N, C-alpha and C. Protein backbone atom coordinates (compact mmCIF):
# COMPACT_ATOMS: atom_id res chain seq x y z
N MET A 1 38.41 20.76 56.46
CA MET A 1 38.88 22.03 55.93
C MET A 1 38.16 22.31 54.61
N GLN A 2 37.66 23.49 54.47
CA GLN A 2 36.98 23.89 53.24
C GLN A 2 37.97 24.67 52.36
N HIS A 3 38.09 24.31 51.14
CA HIS A 3 38.99 24.99 50.22
C HIS A 3 38.21 25.44 49.00
N ARG A 4 38.87 26.21 48.16
CA ARG A 4 38.23 26.68 46.93
C ARG A 4 39.06 26.33 45.71
N TYR A 5 39.86 25.31 45.79
CA TYR A 5 40.69 24.92 44.65
C TYR A 5 39.87 24.15 43.62
N HIS A 6 40.11 24.46 42.37
CA HIS A 6 39.45 23.77 41.28
C HIS A 6 40.03 22.36 41.16
N ILE A 7 39.18 21.40 40.88
CA ILE A 7 39.60 20.01 40.67
C ILE A 7 39.14 19.58 39.28
N ASN A 8 40.09 19.22 38.42
CA ASN A 8 39.77 18.65 37.11
C ASN A 8 39.60 17.15 37.28
N VAL A 9 38.55 16.59 36.71
CA VAL A 9 38.33 15.15 36.79
C VAL A 9 38.21 14.60 35.37
N PHE A 10 38.97 13.55 35.09
CA PHE A 10 38.93 12.97 33.76
C PHE A 10 39.28 11.48 33.82
N TRP A 11 38.80 10.75 32.82
CA TRP A 11 39.10 9.33 32.69
C TRP A 11 40.47 9.16 32.08
N TYR A 12 41.28 8.29 32.66
CA TYR A 12 42.61 8.02 32.14
C TYR A 12 42.70 6.54 31.77
N PRO A 13 42.53 6.23 30.48
CA PRO A 13 42.46 4.83 30.07
C PRO A 13 43.72 4.02 30.33
N ASP A 14 44.89 4.66 30.31
CA ASP A 14 46.14 3.91 30.54
C ASP A 14 46.15 3.27 31.93
N ASP A 15 45.55 3.93 32.91
CA ASP A 15 45.50 3.39 34.27
C ASP A 15 44.12 2.83 34.62
N ASP A 16 43.17 2.94 33.67
CA ASP A 16 41.82 2.42 33.87
C ASP A 16 41.17 2.97 35.14
N CYS A 17 41.27 4.30 35.30
CA CYS A 17 40.69 4.93 36.48
C CYS A 17 40.40 6.41 36.20
N TRP A 18 39.67 7.03 37.13
CA TRP A 18 39.40 8.46 37.07
C TRP A 18 40.51 9.20 37.80
N ILE A 19 40.95 10.31 37.23
CA ILE A 19 41.99 11.15 37.81
C ILE A 19 41.37 12.47 38.25
N ALA A 20 41.75 12.93 39.42
CA ALA A 20 41.34 14.25 39.92
C ALA A 20 42.62 15.05 40.12
N ASP A 21 42.77 16.09 39.34
CA ASP A 21 43.99 16.91 39.32
C ASP A 21 43.68 18.30 39.87
N VAL A 22 44.59 18.84 40.69
CA VAL A 22 44.41 20.17 41.28
C VAL A 22 45.47 21.10 40.67
N PRO A 23 45.10 21.86 39.64
CA PRO A 23 46.09 22.66 38.90
C PRO A 23 46.86 23.68 39.74
N ASP A 24 46.23 24.26 40.76
CA ASP A 24 46.91 25.27 41.57
C ASP A 24 47.95 24.69 42.52
N LEU A 25 47.87 23.41 42.80
CA LEU A 25 48.79 22.77 43.75
C LEU A 25 49.57 21.69 43.04
N ARG A 26 50.72 22.05 42.51
CA ARG A 26 51.54 21.10 41.76
C ARG A 26 52.55 20.45 42.68
N PRO A 27 52.76 19.18 42.64
CA PRO A 27 51.90 18.19 42.01
C PRO A 27 50.87 17.69 43.03
N CYS A 28 49.62 17.80 42.73
CA CYS A 28 48.57 17.32 43.62
C CYS A 28 47.48 16.68 42.76
N SER A 29 47.33 15.39 42.92
CA SER A 29 46.29 14.67 42.17
C SER A 29 45.94 13.40 42.94
N ALA A 30 44.88 12.77 42.50
CA ALA A 30 44.43 11.52 43.11
C ALA A 30 43.69 10.72 42.04
N HIS A 31 43.32 9.51 42.39
CA HIS A 31 42.57 8.69 41.44
C HIS A 31 41.52 7.87 42.17
N GLY A 32 40.57 7.34 41.39
CA GLY A 32 39.53 6.50 41.96
C GLY A 32 38.81 5.72 40.89
N ASP A 33 37.99 4.79 41.32
CA ASP A 33 37.21 3.97 40.40
C ASP A 33 36.02 4.73 39.82
N THR A 34 35.60 5.79 40.50
CA THR A 34 34.50 6.63 40.03
C THR A 34 34.93 8.09 40.13
N PRO A 35 34.26 9.00 39.42
CA PRO A 35 34.60 10.42 39.57
C PRO A 35 34.46 10.89 41.02
N SER A 36 33.41 10.44 41.71
CA SER A 36 33.20 10.85 43.10
C SER A 36 34.33 10.36 44.01
N GLU A 37 34.77 9.15 43.78
CA GLU A 37 35.87 8.60 44.58
C GLU A 37 37.16 9.38 44.32
N ALA A 38 37.42 9.72 43.07
CA ALA A 38 38.62 10.49 42.73
C ALA A 38 38.57 11.87 43.40
N ILE A 39 37.41 12.50 43.41
CA ILE A 39 37.27 13.82 44.05
C ILE A 39 37.48 13.70 45.56
N ALA A 40 36.90 12.69 46.17
CA ALA A 40 37.08 12.49 47.62
C ALA A 40 38.55 12.30 47.96
N GLU A 41 39.25 11.53 47.15
CA GLU A 41 40.69 11.33 47.36
C GLU A 41 41.47 12.62 47.13
N ALA A 42 41.04 13.42 46.16
CA ALA A 42 41.70 14.70 45.90
C ALA A 42 41.52 15.66 47.07
N GLU A 43 40.35 15.63 47.70
CA GLU A 43 40.11 16.47 48.89
C GLU A 43 41.12 16.14 49.98
N ILE A 44 41.37 14.86 50.19
CA ILE A 44 42.38 14.43 51.17
C ILE A 44 43.76 14.90 50.74
N ALA A 45 44.07 14.73 49.45
CA ALA A 45 45.38 15.13 48.94
C ALA A 45 45.61 16.64 49.10
N ILE A 46 44.57 17.43 48.89
CA ILE A 46 44.68 18.88 49.06
C ILE A 46 45.03 19.22 50.50
N GLU A 47 44.31 18.62 51.45
CA GLU A 47 44.59 18.88 52.86
C GLU A 47 46.02 18.50 53.21
N LEU A 48 46.47 17.34 52.74
CA LEU A 48 47.83 16.90 53.03
C LEU A 48 48.86 17.80 52.35
N TRP A 49 48.57 18.25 51.13
CA TRP A 49 49.48 19.15 50.41
C TRP A 49 49.67 20.43 51.21
N ILE A 50 48.56 21.01 51.67
CA ILE A 50 48.61 22.26 52.42
C ILE A 50 49.33 22.07 53.75
N GLU A 51 49.01 21.01 54.47
CA GLU A 51 49.68 20.73 55.75
C GLU A 51 51.19 20.57 55.57
N THR A 52 51.58 19.85 54.54
CA THR A 52 53.01 19.62 54.28
C THR A 52 53.70 20.93 53.91
N ALA A 53 53.07 21.72 53.07
CA ALA A 53 53.66 23.01 52.69
C ALA A 53 53.85 23.90 53.91
N GLN A 54 52.82 24.01 54.74
CA GLN A 54 52.90 24.86 55.93
C GLN A 54 53.97 24.36 56.89
N ALA A 55 54.07 23.06 57.06
CA ALA A 55 55.08 22.48 57.97
C ALA A 55 56.50 22.73 57.48
N ASN A 56 56.65 22.95 56.17
CA ASN A 56 57.98 23.15 55.60
C ASN A 56 58.24 24.59 55.17
N GLY A 57 57.37 25.51 55.58
CA GLY A 57 57.58 26.92 55.27
C GLY A 57 57.40 27.27 53.81
N ILE A 58 56.61 26.48 53.10
CA ILE A 58 56.35 26.73 51.68
C ILE A 58 55.03 27.48 51.56
N ALA A 59 55.03 28.53 50.76
CA ALA A 59 53.82 29.33 50.58
C ALA A 59 52.72 28.50 49.93
N VAL A 60 51.52 28.63 50.44
CA VAL A 60 50.35 27.96 49.86
C VAL A 60 49.70 28.94 48.91
N PRO A 61 49.64 28.61 47.63
CA PRO A 61 49.07 29.56 46.66
C PRO A 61 47.58 29.75 46.84
N GLU A 62 47.12 30.93 46.51
CA GLU A 62 45.69 31.21 46.50
C GLU A 62 45.07 30.48 45.31
N PRO A 63 43.82 30.07 45.44
CA PRO A 63 43.14 29.45 44.29
C PRO A 63 43.03 30.45 43.14
N ARG A 64 43.56 30.11 41.98
CA ARG A 64 43.54 31.01 40.83
C ARG A 64 43.02 30.36 39.56
N TYR A 65 43.21 29.05 39.44
CA TYR A 65 42.87 28.36 38.19
C TYR A 65 41.39 28.48 37.88
N ARG A 66 41.11 28.77 36.62
CA ARG A 66 39.73 28.79 36.12
C ARG A 66 39.71 28.04 34.80
N PRO A 67 38.76 27.11 34.62
CA PRO A 67 38.68 26.42 33.34
C PRO A 67 38.49 27.41 32.20
N ALA A 68 38.85 27.02 31.02
CA ALA A 68 38.78 27.91 29.86
C ALA A 68 37.40 28.49 29.66
N ILE A 69 36.36 27.77 30.02
CA ILE A 69 35.00 28.26 29.84
C ILE A 69 34.75 29.54 30.66
N TYR A 70 35.50 29.70 31.76
CA TYR A 70 35.34 30.88 32.62
C TYR A 70 36.45 31.90 32.44
N ALA A 71 37.42 31.63 31.61
CA ALA A 71 38.59 32.50 31.46
C ALA A 71 38.23 33.91 31.01
N ALA A 72 37.23 34.06 30.18
CA ALA A 72 36.85 35.38 29.68
C ALA A 72 36.03 36.18 30.69
N ALA A 73 35.52 35.52 31.69
CA ALA A 73 34.66 36.20 32.67
C ALA A 73 35.46 37.03 33.65
């Protein structure tokens, strides 16, 4: 499944891993030993989030989040 949700990736020292957070789908995040691994896990989490929402009659939000660098555009 191809999606257009923004994924924030950052190092989280408390857990000693990379976190991939999907701001439009709360709560949807994943982690990994590398940024690429965290993103790959987030892709799976997004698919599961959407499948679960649809199965339970919950509206799936449109991708809206834009990082601050793009907010003025």
